[in-house]
All heavy atoms as atom14 arrays in JSON, in Angstrom:
{
  "sequence": "RQTPGKEREFVAAISWSGGTTYYAESVKGRFSISRDNAKNTAYLQM",
  "atom14_mask": [
    [1, 1, 1, 1, 1, 1, 1, 1, 1, 1, 1, 0, 0, 0],
    [1, 1, 1, 1, 1, 1, 1, 1, 1, 0, 0, 0, 0, 0],
    [1, 1, 1, 1, 1, 1, 1, 0, 0, 0, 0, 0, 0, 0],
    [1, 1, 1, 1, 1, 1, 1, 0, 0, 0, 0, 0, 0, 0],
    [1, 1, 1, 1, 0, 0, 0, 0, 0, 0, 0, 0, 0, 0],
    [1, 1, 1, 1, 1, 1, 1, 1, 1, 0, 0, 0, 0, 0],
    [1, 1, 1, 1, 1, 1, 1, 1, 1, 0, 0, 0, 0, 0],
    [1, 1, 1, 1, 1, 1, 1, 1, 1, 1, 1, 0, 0, 0],
    [1, 1, 1, 1, 1, 1, 1, 1, 1, 0, 0, 0, 0, 0],
    [1, 1, 1, 1, 1, 1, 1, 1, 1, 1, 1, 0, 0, 0],
    [1, 1, 1, 1, 1, 1, 1, 0, 0, 0, 0, 0, 0, 0],
    [1, 1, 1, 1, 1, 0, 0, 0, 0, 0, 0, 0, 0, 0],
    [1, 1, 1, 1, 1, 0, 0, 0, 0, 0, 0, 0, 0, 0],
    [1, 1, 1, 1, 1, 1, 1, 1, 0, 0, 0, 0, 0, 0],
    [1, 1, 1, 1, 1, 1, 0, 0, 0, 0, 0, 0, 0, 0],
    [1, 1, 1, 1, 1, 1, 1, 1, 1, 1, 1, 1, 1, 1],
    [1, 1, 1, 1, 1, 1, 0, 0, 0, 0, 0, 0, 0, 0],
    [1, 1, 1, 1, 0, 0, 0, 0, 0, 0, 0, 0, 0, 0],
    [1, 1, 1, 1, 0, 0, 0, 0, 0, 0, 0, 0, 0, 0],
    [1, 1, 1, 1, 1, 1, 1, 0, 0, 0, 0, 0, 0, 0],
    [1, 1, 1, 1, 1, 1, 1, 0, 0, 0, 0, 0, 0, 0],
    [1, 1, 1, 1, 1, 1, 1, 1, 1, 1, 1, 1, 0, 0],
    [1, 1, 1, 1, 1, 1, 1, 1, 1, 1, 1, 1, 0, 0],
    [1, 1, 1, 1, 1, 0, 0, 0, 0, 0, 0, 0, 0, 0],
    [1, 1, 1, 1, 1, 1, 1, 1, 1, 0, 0, 0, 0, 0],
    [1, 1, 1, 1, 1, 1, 0, 0, 0, 0, 0, 0, 0, 0],
    [1, 1, 1, 1, 1, 1, 1, 0, 0, 0, 0, 0, 0, 0],
    [1, 1, 1, 1, 1, 1, 1, 1, 1, 0, 0, 0, 0, 0],
    [1, 1, 1, 1, 0, 0, 0, 0, 0, 0, 0, 0, 0, 0],
    [1, 1, 1, 1, 1, 1, 1, 1, 1, 1, 1, 0, 0, 0],
    [1, 1, 1, 1, 1, 1, 1, 1, 1, 1, 1, 0, 0, 0],
    [1, 1, 1, 1, 1, 1, 0, 0, 0, 0, 0, 0, 0, 0],
    [1, 1, 1, 1, 1, 1, 1, 1, 0, 0, 0, 0, 0, 0],
    [1, 1, 1, 1, 1, 1, 0, 0, 0, 0, 0, 0, 0, 0],
    [1, 1, 1, 1, 1, 1, 1, 1, 1, 1, 1, 0, 0, 0],
    [1, 1, 1, 1, 1, 1, 1, 1, 0, 0, 0, 0, 0, 0],
    [1, 1, 1, 1, 1, 1, 1, 1, 0, 0, 0, 0, 0, 0],
    [1, 1, 1, 1, 1, 0, 0, 0, 0, 0, 0, 0, 0, 0],
    [1, 1, 1, 1, 1, 1, 1, 1, 1, 0, 0, 0, 0, 0],
    [1, 1, 1, 1, 1, 1, 1, 1, 0, 0, 0, 0, 0, 0],
    [1, 1, 1, 1, 1, 1, 1, 0, 0, 0, 0, 0, 0, 0],
    [1, 1, 1, 1, 1, 0, 0, 0, 0, 0, 0, 0, 0, 0],
    [1, 1, 1, 1, 1, 1, 1, 1, 1, 1, 1, 1, 0, 0],
    [1, 1, 1, 1, 1, 1, 1, 1, 0, 0, 0, 0, 0, 0],
    [1, 1, 1, 1, 1, 1, 1, 1, 1, 0, 0, 0, 0, 0],
    [1, 1, 1, 1, 1, 1, 1, 1, 0, 0, 0, 0, 0, 0]
  ],
  "atom14_positions": [
    [[-2.36, -17.76, 7.06], [-2.14, -18.21, 8.52], [-3.19, -19.34, 8.85], [-4.28, -19.25, 8.31], [-2.25, -17.0, 9.54], [-3.61, -16.33, 9.63], [-3.46, -15.16, 10.54], [-4.81, -14.53, 10.74], [-4.74, -13.38, 11.35], [-3.84, -12.75, 11.74], [-6.13, -12.79, 11.4], [0.0, 0.0, 0.0], [0.0, 0.0, 0.0], [0.0, 0.0, 0.0]],
    [[-2.75, -20.09, 9.79], [-3.63, -21.18, 10.31], [-3.49, -21.45, 11.63], [-2.45, -21.45, 12.24], [-3.22, -22.44, 9.39], [-4.26, -23.59, 9.75], [-4.05, -24.69, 8.71], [-2.9, -24.93, 8.28], [-5.11, -25.52, 8.51], [0.0, 0.0, 0.0], [0.0, 0.0, 0.0], [0.0, 0.0, 0.0], [0.0, 0.0, 0.0], [0.0, 0.0, 0.0]],
    [[-4.54, -21.59, 12.39], [-4.71, -21.95, 13.71], [-5.26, -23.35, 13.89], [-6.04, -23.83, 13.12], [-5.79, -21.08, 14.62], [-5.33, -19.76, 14.44], [-5.76, -21.44, 15.94], [0.0, 0.0, 0.0], [0.0, 0.0, 0.0], [0.0, 0.0, 0.0], [0.0, 0.0, 0.0], [0.0, 0.0, 0.0], [0.0, 0.0, 0.0], [0.0, 0.0, 0.0]],
    [[-4.63, -24.2, 14.82], [-5.12, -25.56, 14.99], [-6.67, -25.71, 14.99], [-7.34, -25.02, 15.69], [-4.45, -26.06, 16.27], [-3.28, -25.23, 16.35], [-3.66, -23.92, 15.87], [0.0, 0.0, 0.0], [0.0, 0.0, 0.0], [0.0, 0.0, 0.0], [0.0, 0.0, 0.0], [0.0, 0.0, 0.0], [0.0, 0.0, 0.0], [0.0, 0.0, 0.0]],
    [[-7.2, -26.7, 14.12], [-8.54, -26.9, 14.05], [-9.3, -25.91, 13.15], [-10.55, -26.14, 13.06], [0.0, 0.0, 0.0], [0.0, 0.0, 0.0], [0.0, 0.0, 0.0], [0.0, 0.0, 0.0], [0.0, 0.0, 0.0], [0.0, 0.0, 0.0], [0.0, 0.0, 0.0], [0.0, 0.0, 0.0], [0.0, 0.0, 0.0], [0.0, 0.0, 0.0]],
    [[-8.64, -25.07, 12.56], [-9.28, -24.12, 11.64], [-8.71, -24.13, 10.32], [-7.49, -24.51, 10.08], [-9.29, -22.77, 12.22], [-10.04, -22.44, 13.57], [-9.86, -21.04, 14.03], [-10.83, -20.81, 15.23], [-10.36, -21.72, 16.35], [0.0, 0.0, 0.0], [0.0, 0.0, 0.0], [0.0, 0.0, 0.0], [0.0, 0.0, 0.0], [0.0, 0.0, 0.0]],
    [[-9.4, -23.56, 9.34], [-8.93, -23.55, 7.97], [-7.88, -22.47, 7.84], [-7.94, -21.45, 8.54], [-10.02, -23.38, 6.96], [-11.14, -24.43, 6.89], [-10.53, -25.67, 6.29], [-9.74, -25.59, 5.3], [-10.87, -26.73, 6.73], [0.0, 0.0, 0.0], [0.0, 0.0, 0.0], [0.0, 0.0, 0.0], [0.0, 0.0, 0.0], [0.0, 0.0, 0.0]],
    [[-7.04, -22.65, 6.86], [-6.06, -21.68, 6.48], [-6.75, -20.4, 5.95], [-7.62, -20.54, 5.06], [-5.02, -22.21, 5.44], [-3.92, -21.35, 5.16], [-2.77, -22.08, 4.46], [-3.24, -22.84, 3.38], [-2.63, -23.71, 2.66], [-1.42, -24.15, 3.13], [-3.14, -24.32, 1.59], [0.0, 0.0, 0.0], [0.0, 0.0, 0.0], [0.0, 0.0, 0.0]],
    [[-6.35, -19.29, 6.4], [-6.98, -17.99, 5.91], [-6.02, -17.08, 5.25], [-4.8, -17.04, 5.62], [-7.78, -17.33, 7.08], [-6.8, -16.85, 8.16], [-7.59, -15.91, 9.14], [-8.58, -15.29, 8.81], [-7.16, -15.91, 10.33], [0.0, 0.0, 0.0], [0.0, 0.0, 0.0], [0.0, 0.0, 0.0], [0.0, 0.0, 0.0], [0.0, 0.0, 0.0]],
    [[-6.45, -16.28, 4.29], [-5.64, -15.3, 3.69], [-5.36, -14.17, 4.59], [-6.2, -13.76, 5.4], [-6.47, -14.86, 2.41], [-5.87, -13.51, 1.85], [-4.85, -13.67, 0.99], [-6.52, -12.31, 2.03], [-4.3, -12.59, 0.41], [-6.02, -11.2, 1.5], [-4.8, -11.35, 0.62], [0.0, 0.0, 0.0], [0.0, 0.0, 0.0], [0.0, 0.0, 0.0]],
    [[-4.12, -13.68, 4.47], [-3.8, -12.5, 5.31], [-3.41, -11.27, 4.46], [-3.92, -10.31, 4.61], [-2.48, -12.87, 6.15], [-2.04, -11.72, 6.96], [-2.95, -13.97, 7.12], [0.0, 0.0, 0.0], [0.0, 0.0, 0.0], [0.0, 0.0, 0.0], [0.0, 0.0, 0.0], [0.0, 0.0, 0.0], [0.0, 0.0, 0.0], [0.0, 0.0, 0.0]],
    [[-2.57, -11.5, 3.54], [-2.09, -10.44, 2.56], [-1.44, -10.99, 1.42], [-0.89, -12.12, 1.38], [-1.1, -9.55, 3.38], [0.0, 0.0, 0.0], [0.0, 0.0, 0.0], [0.0, 0.0, 0.0], [0.0, 0.0, 0.0], [0.0, 0.0, 0.0], [0.0, 0.0, 0.0], [0.0, 0.0, 0.0], [0.0, 0.0, 0.0], [0.0, 0.0, 0.0]],
    [[-1.44, -10.15, 0.29], [-0.74, -10.64, -0.93], [-0.19, -9.37, -1.66], [-0.66, -8.17, -1.49], [-1.77, -11.33, -1.76], [0.0, 0.0, 0.0], [0.0, 0.0, 0.0], [0.0, 0.0, 0.0], [0.0, 0.0, 0.0], [0.0, 0.0, 0.0], [0.0, 0.0, 0.0], [0.0, 0.0, 0.0], [0.0, 0.0, 0.0], [0.0, 0.0, 0.0]],
    [[0.77, -9.66, -2.54], [1.46, -8.46, -3.25], [1.72, -8.96, -4.67], [2.09, -10.22, -4.86], [2.72, -7.97, -2.48], [3.24, -6.75, -3.24], [3.78, -9.15, -2.47], [4.39, -6.06, -2.46], [0.0, 0.0, 0.0], [0.0, 0.0, 0.0], [0.0, 0.0, 0.0], [0.0, 0.0, 0.0], [0.0, 0.0, 0.0], [0.0, 0.0, 0.0]],
    [[1.51, -8.19, -5.7], [1.75, -8.54, -7.01], [3.25, -8.68, -7.38], [3.99, -8.25, -6.57], [1.05, -7.5, -8.0], [1.6, -6.21, -7.93], [0.0, 0.0, 0.0], [0.0, 0.0, 0.0], [0.0, 0.0, 0.0], [0.0, 0.0, 0.0], [0.0, 0.0, 0.0], [0.0, 0.0, 0.0], [0.0, 0.0, 0.0], [0.0, 0.0, 0.0]],
    [[3.41, -9.17, -8.5], [4.95, -9.42, -8.85], [5.71, -8.05, -8.92], [6.87, -8.05, -8.65], [5.06, -10.13, -10.16], [4.54, -9.45, -11.42], [3.23, -9.49, -11.93], [5.23, -8.5, -12.21], [3.13, -8.73, -13.0], [4.4, -8.14, -13.2], [6.45, -8.04, -12.18], [4.74, -7.1, -14.26], [6.94, -7.1, -13.17], [5.98, -6.76, -14.06]],
    [[5.05, -7.09, -9.31], [5.67, -5.72, -9.47], [5.68, -5.02, -8.17], [6.47, -4.05, -8.04], [4.98, -4.86, -10.55], [3.63, -4.58, -10.03], [0.0, 0.0, 0.0], [0.0, 0.0, 0.0], [0.0, 0.0, 0.0], [0.0, 0.0, 0.0], [0.0, 0.0, 0.0], [0.0, 0.0, 0.0], [0.0, 0.0, 0.0], [0.0, 0.0, 0.0]],
    [[4.92, -5.42, -7.16], [4.84, -4.76, -5.89], [3.86, -3.58, -5.91], [3.7, -2.88, -4.92], [0.0, 0.0, 0.0], [0.0, 0.0, 0.0], [0.0, 0.0, 0.0], [0.0, 0.0, 0.0], [0.0, 0.0, 0.0], [0.0, 0.0, 0.0], [0.0, 0.0, 0.0], [0.0, 0.0, 0.0], [0.0, 0.0, 0.0], [0.0, 0.0, 0.0]],
    [[3.22, -3.31, -7.1], [2.3, -2.25, -7.23], [0.93, -2.44, -6.74], [0.13, -1.41, -6.51], [0.0, 0.0, 0.0], [0.0, 0.0, 0.0], [0.0, 0.0, 0.0], [0.0, 0.0, 0.0], [0.0, 0.0, 0.0], [0.0, 0.0, 0.0], [0.0, 0.0, 0.0], [0.0, 0.0, 0.0], [0.0, 0.0, 0.0], [0.0, 0.0, 0.0]],
    [[0.54, -3.71, -6.4], [-0.79, -3.97, -5.89], [-0.75, -4.8, -4.65], [0.04, -5.8, -4.63], [-1.64, -4.63, -7.02], [-1.68, -3.98, -8.17], [-3.12, -4.84, -6.54], [0.0, 0.0, 0.0], [0.0, 0.0, 0.0], [0.0, 0.0, 0.0], [0.0, 0.0, 0.0], [0.0, 0.0, 0.0], [0.0, 0.0, 0.0], [0.0, 0.0, 0.0]],
    [[-1.48, -4.46, -3.75], [-1.47, -5.27, -2.36], [-2.91, -5.57, -2.0], [-3.83, -4.77, -2.43], [-0.74, -4.62, -1.28], [-1.39, -3.26, -1.06], [0.66, -4.4, -1.55], [0.0, 0.0, 0.0], [0.0, 0.0, 0.0], [0.0, 0.0, 0.0], [0.0, 0.0, 0.0], [0.0, 0.0, 0.0], [0.0, 0.0, 0.0], [0.0, 0.0, 0.0]],
    [[-3.15, -6.59, -1.3], [-4.4, -6.99, -0.72], [-4.25, -7.35, 0.67], [-3.26, -7.98, 1.08], [-5.03, -8.14, -1.6], [-5.15, -7.9, -3.11], [-4.11, -8.21, -3.98], [-6.33, -7.33, -3.57], [-4.18, -7.95, -5.3], [-6.51, -7.07, -4.99], [-5.44, -7.43, -5.85], [-5.5, -7.17, -7.07], [0.0, 0.0, 0.0], [0.0, 0.0, 0.0]],
    [[-5.28, -7.1, 1.47], [-5.26, -7.54, 2.92], [-6.65, -8.05, 3.28], [-7.73, -7.62, 2.89], [-4.92, -6.33, 3.83], [-3.53, -5.76, 3.45], [-3.41, -4.65, 2.58], [-2.42, -6.17, 4.1], [-2.14, -4.14, 2.4], [-1.12, -5.7, 3.84], [-0.98, -4.71, 3.04], [0.3, -4.14, 2.77], [0.0, 0.0, 0.0], [0.0, 0.0, 0.0]],
    [[-6.58, -8.89, 4.18], [-7.84, -9.38, 4.89], [-8.21, -8.2, 5.76], [-7.57, -7.55, 6.26], [-7.51, -10.57, 5.77], [0.0, 0.0, 0.0], [0.0, 0.0, 0.0], [0.0, 0.0, 0.0], [0.0, 0.0, 0.0], [0.0, 0.0, 0.0], [0.0, 0.0, 0.0], [0.0, 0.0, 0.0], [0.0, 0.0, 0.0], [0.0, 0.0, 0.0]],
    [[-9.61, -8.1, 5.86], [-10.29, -7.04, 6.61], [-9.68, -7.05, 8.01], [-9.63, -5.91, 8.72], [-11.69, -7.12, 6.63], [-12.35, -6.63, 5.27], [-12.02, -5.13, 5.02], [-12.21, -4.35, 5.94], [-11.68, -4.87, 3.83], [0.0, 0.0, 0.0], [0.0, 0.0, 0.0], [0.0, 0.0, 0.0], [0.0, 0.0, 0.0], [0.0, 0.0, 0.0]],
    [[-9.42, -8.17, 8.55], [-9.08, -8.29, 10.01], [-7.65, -7.72, 10.31], [-7.33, -7.48, 11.39], [-9.14, -9.83, 10.46], [-8.26, -10.59, 9.67], [0.0, 0.0, 0.0], [0.0, 0.0, 0.0], [0.0, 0.0, 0.0], [0.0, 0.0, 0.0], [0.0, 0.0, 0.0], [0.0, 0.0, 0.0], [0.0, 0.0, 0.0], [0.0, 0.0, 0.0]],
    [[-6.8, -7.55, 9.32], [-5.54, -7.06, 9.44], [-5.17, -5.71, 8.7], [-4.18, -5.09, 8.93], [-4.42, -8.12, 9.0], [-4.68, -9.42, 9.66], [-4.47, -8.29, 7.48], [0.0, 0.0, 0.0], [0.0, 0.0, 0.0], [0.0, 0.0, 0.0], [0.0, 0.0, 0.0], [0.0, 0.0, 0.0], [0.0, 0.0, 0.0], [0.0, 0.0, 0.0]],
    [[-6.23, -5.3, 7.98], [-6.11, -4.06, 7.28], [-5.74, -2.85, 8.23], [-6.42, -2.75, 9.22], [-7.31, -3.69, 6.41], [-7.18, -2.58, 5.48], [-8.35, -2.45, 4.58], [-8.23, -1.29, 3.58], [-9.46, -1.19, 2.71], [0.0, 0.0, 0.0], [0.0, 0.0, 0.0], [0.0, 0.0, 0.0], [0.0, 0.0, 0.0], [0.0, 0.0, 0.0]],
    [[-4.79, -2.05, 7.93], [-4.34, -0.97, 8.7], [-3.31, -1.36, 9.77], [-2.72, -0.48, 10.33], [0.0, 0.0, 0.0], [0.0, 0.0, 0.0], [0.0, 0.0, 0.0], [0.0, 0.0, 0.0], [0.0, 0.0, 0.0], [0.0, 0.0, 0.0], [0.0, 0.0, 0.0], [0.0, 0.0, 0.0], [0.0, 0.0, 0.0], [0.0, 0.0, 0.0]],
    [[-3.13, -2.55, 9.98], [-2.19, -3.13, 10.97], [-0.91, -3.83, 10.33], [0.16, -3.66, 10.83], [-2.75, -3.96, 11.99], [-4.01, -3.32, 12.72], [-4.49, -4.3, 13.87], [-4.96, -5.53, 13.38], [-4.56, -6.74, 13.64], [-3.45, -6.86, 14.49], [-5.18, -7.86, 13.21], [0.0, 0.0, 0.0], [0.0, 0.0, 0.0], [0.0, 0.0, 0.0]],
    [[-1.23, -4.52, 9.25], [-0.17, -5.22, 8.63], [0.24, -4.62, 7.32], [-0.61, -4.06, 6.69], [-0.67, -6.74, 8.22], [-0.82, -7.65, 9.56], [-0.78, -7.04, 10.83], [-1.08, -8.99, 9.36], [-0.93, -7.91, 11.9], [-1.15, -9.81, 10.48], [-1.19, -9.3, 11.66], [0.0, 0.0, 0.0], [0.0, 0.0, 0.0], [0.0, 0.0, 0.0]],
    [[1.39, -4.9, 6.92], [1.92, -4.42, 5.59], [2.82, -5.42, 4.94], [3.68, -5.93, 5.62], [2.7, -3.12, 5.89], [3.19, -2.61, 4.61], [0.0, 0.0, 0.0], [0.0, 0.0, 0.0], [0.0, 0.0, 0.0], [0.0, 0.0, 0.0], [0.0, 0.0, 0.0], [0.0, 0.0, 0.0], [0.0, 0.0, 0.0], [0.0, 0.0, 0.0]],
    [[2.51, -5.73, 3.67], [3.31, -6.55, 2.86], [4.18, -5.89, 1.98], [3.79, -4.84, 1.38], [2.4, -7.69, 2.09], [3.21, -8.74, 1.46], [1.54, -6.87, 1.18], [2.45, -9.94, 0.85], [0.0, 0.0, 0.0], [0.0, 0.0, 0.0], [0.0, 0.0, 0.0], [0.0, 0.0, 0.0], [0.0, 0.0, 0.0], [0.0, 0.0, 0.0]],
    [[5.34, -6.43, 1.78], [6.3, -5.86, 0.85], [7.2, -6.84, 0.31], [7.22, -7.97, 0.74], [7.14, -4.67, 1.49], [7.96, -5.25, 2.67], [0.0, 0.0, 0.0], [0.0, 0.0, 0.0], [0.0, 0.0, 0.0], [0.0, 0.0, 0.0], [0.0, 0.0, 0.0], [0.0, 0.0, 0.0], [0.0, 0.0, 0.0], [0.0, 0.0, 0.0]],
    [[8.04, -6.48, -0.76], [8.92, -7.46, -1.34], [10.23, -6.74, -1.8], [10.16, -5.53, -2.1], [8.27, -8.27, -2.43], [7.91, -7.31, -3.68], [7.13, -8.15, -4.68], [7.76, -9.33, -5.19], [7.13, -10.37, -5.65], [5.81, -10.37, -5.84], [7.89, -11.49, -6.1], [0.0, 0.0, 0.0], [0.0, 0.0, 0.0], [0.0, 0.0, 0.0]],
    [[11.33, -7.57, -1.83], [12.59, -7.04, -2.31], [12.94, -8.17, -3.44], [13.57, -9.21, -3.06], [13.61, -6.95, -1.25], [14.86, -6.33, -1.82], [15.16, -6.43, -3.04], [15.62, -5.75, -0.95], [0.0, 0.0, 0.0], [0.0, 0.0, 0.0], [0.0, 0.0, 0.0], [0.0, 0.0, 0.0], [0.0, 0.0, 0.0], [0.0, 0.0, 0.0]],
    [[12.66, -7.9, -4.68], [12.92, -8.93, -5.61], [14.44, -9.2, -5.78], [14.73, -10.28, -6.19], [12.3, -8.5, -7.04], [10.85, -8.61, -6.99], [10.29, -9.23, -6.1], [10.19, -7.86, -7.9], [0.0, 0.0, 0.0], [0.0, 0.0, 0.0], [0.0, 0.0, 0.0], [0.0, 0.0, 0.0], [0.0, 0.0, 0.0], [0.0, 0.0, 0.0]],
    [[15.33, -8.16, -5.65], [16.77, -8.32, -5.73], [17.24, -9.32, -4.83], [18.22, -10.07, -4.97], [17.37, -7.01, -5.57], [0.0, 0.0, 0.0], [0.0, 0.0, 0.0], [0.0, 0.0, 0.0], [0.0, 0.0, 0.0], [0.0, 0.0, 0.0], [0.0, 0.0, 0.0], [0.0, 0.0, 0.0], [0.0, 0.0, 0.0], [0.0, 0.0, 0.0]],
    [[16.58, -9.4, -3.5], [16.96, -10.4, -2.51], [16.05, -11.63, -2.54], [16.31, -12.51, -1.73], [16.79, -9.79, -1.17], [17.83, -8.54, -0.87], [17.68, -8.02, 0.56], [18.67, -6.97, 0.83], [18.62, -6.54, 2.22], [0.0, 0.0, 0.0], [0.0, 0.0, 0.0], [0.0, 0.0, 0.0], [0.0, 0.0, 0.0], [0.0, 0.0, 0.0]],
    [[15.06, -11.73, -3.44], [14.17, -12.79, -3.52], [13.5, -13.08, -2.19], [13.37, -14.21, -1.67], [15.0, -14.05, -3.95], [14.37, -14.78, -5.15], [13.64, -14.09, -5.9], [14.71, -16.0, -5.32], [0.0, 0.0, 0.0], [0.0, 0.0, 0.0], [0.0, 0.0, 0.0], [0.0, 0.0, 0.0], [0.0, 0.0, 0.0], [0.0, 0.0, 0.0]],
    [[13.03, -11.96, -1.66], [12.42, -12.05, -0.24], [11.17, -11.2, -0.2], [11.07, -10.15, -0.76], [13.5, -11.51, 0.81], [14.67, -12.25, 0.66], [12.93, -11.62, 2.16], [0.0, 0.0, 0.0], [0.0, 0.0, 0.0], [0.0, 0.0, 0.0], [0.0, 0.0, 0.0], [0.0, 0.0, 0.0], [0.0, 0.0, 0.0], [0.0, 0.0, 0.0]],
    [[10.15, -11.69, 0.56], [8.99, -11.03, 0.87], [8.89, -10.77, 2.27], [9.52, -11.55, 3.2], [7.72, -11.74, 0.3], [0.0, 0.0, 0.0], [0.0, 0.0, 0.0], [0.0, 0.0, 0.0], [0.0, 0.0, 0.0], [0.0, 0.0, 0.0], [0.0, 0.0, 0.0], [0.0, 0.0, 0.0], [0.0, 0.0, 0.0], [0.0, 0.0, 0.0]],
    [[8.17, -9.75, 2.74], [8.05, -9.5, 4.2], [6.55, -9.17, 4.61], [5.76, -8.86, 3.74], [8.88, -8.18, 4.55], [10.22, -8.19, 4.1], [10.67, -7.71, 2.87], [11.29, -8.75, 4.91], [12.02, -7.79, 2.53], [12.6, -8.77, 4.56], [12.89, -8.27, 3.37], [14.27, -8.37, 2.89], [0.0, 0.0, 0.0], [0.0, 0.0, 0.0]],
    [[6.32, -9.38, 5.88], [5.1, -9.05, 6.4], [5.34, -8.33, 7.72], [5.71, -8.95, 8.71], [4.21, -10.27, 6.71], [2.73, -10.05, 7.2], [2.0, -9.25, 6.15], [2.1, -11.34, 7.65], [0.0, 0.0, 0.0], [0.0, 0.0, 0.0], [0.0, 0.0, 0.0], [0.0, 0.0, 0.0], [0.0, 0.0, 0.0], [0.0, 0.0, 0.0]],
    [[5.14, -7.04, 7.67], [5.25, -6.23, 8.95], [3.88, -6.26, 9.65], [2.85, -5.9, 9.07], [5.68, -4.85, 8.54], [5.82, -3.87, 9.72], [6.86, -4.27, 10.7], [7.99, -4.45, 10.2], [6.62, -4.23, 11.95], [0.0, 0.0, 0.0], [0.0, 0.0, 0.0], [0.0, 0.0, 0.0], [0.0, 0.0, 0.0], [0.0, 0.0, 0.0]],
    [[3.97, -6.6, 10.95], [2.73, -6.83, 11.71], [2.81, -5.92, 12.93], [3.74, -6.12, 13.69], [2.51, -8.25, 12.13], [2.51, -9.32, 11.03], [2.1, -10.97, 11.47], [3.68, -11.26, 12.6], [0.0, 0.0, 0.0], [0.0, 0.0, 0.0], [0.0, 0.0, 0.0], [0.0, 0.0, 0.0], [0.0, 0.0, 0.0], [0.0, 0.0, 0.0]]
  ]
}
């Protein structure tokens, strides 16, 4: 994510298998990343 005048910052990531996820400390516990490879789609629940 990016706010005007600020650097782009990491929010969340997920491995190709979906077995490993990472979150920025600022969103941990609130955001959830997931993916549906059959649909070629990724999601971020906030």
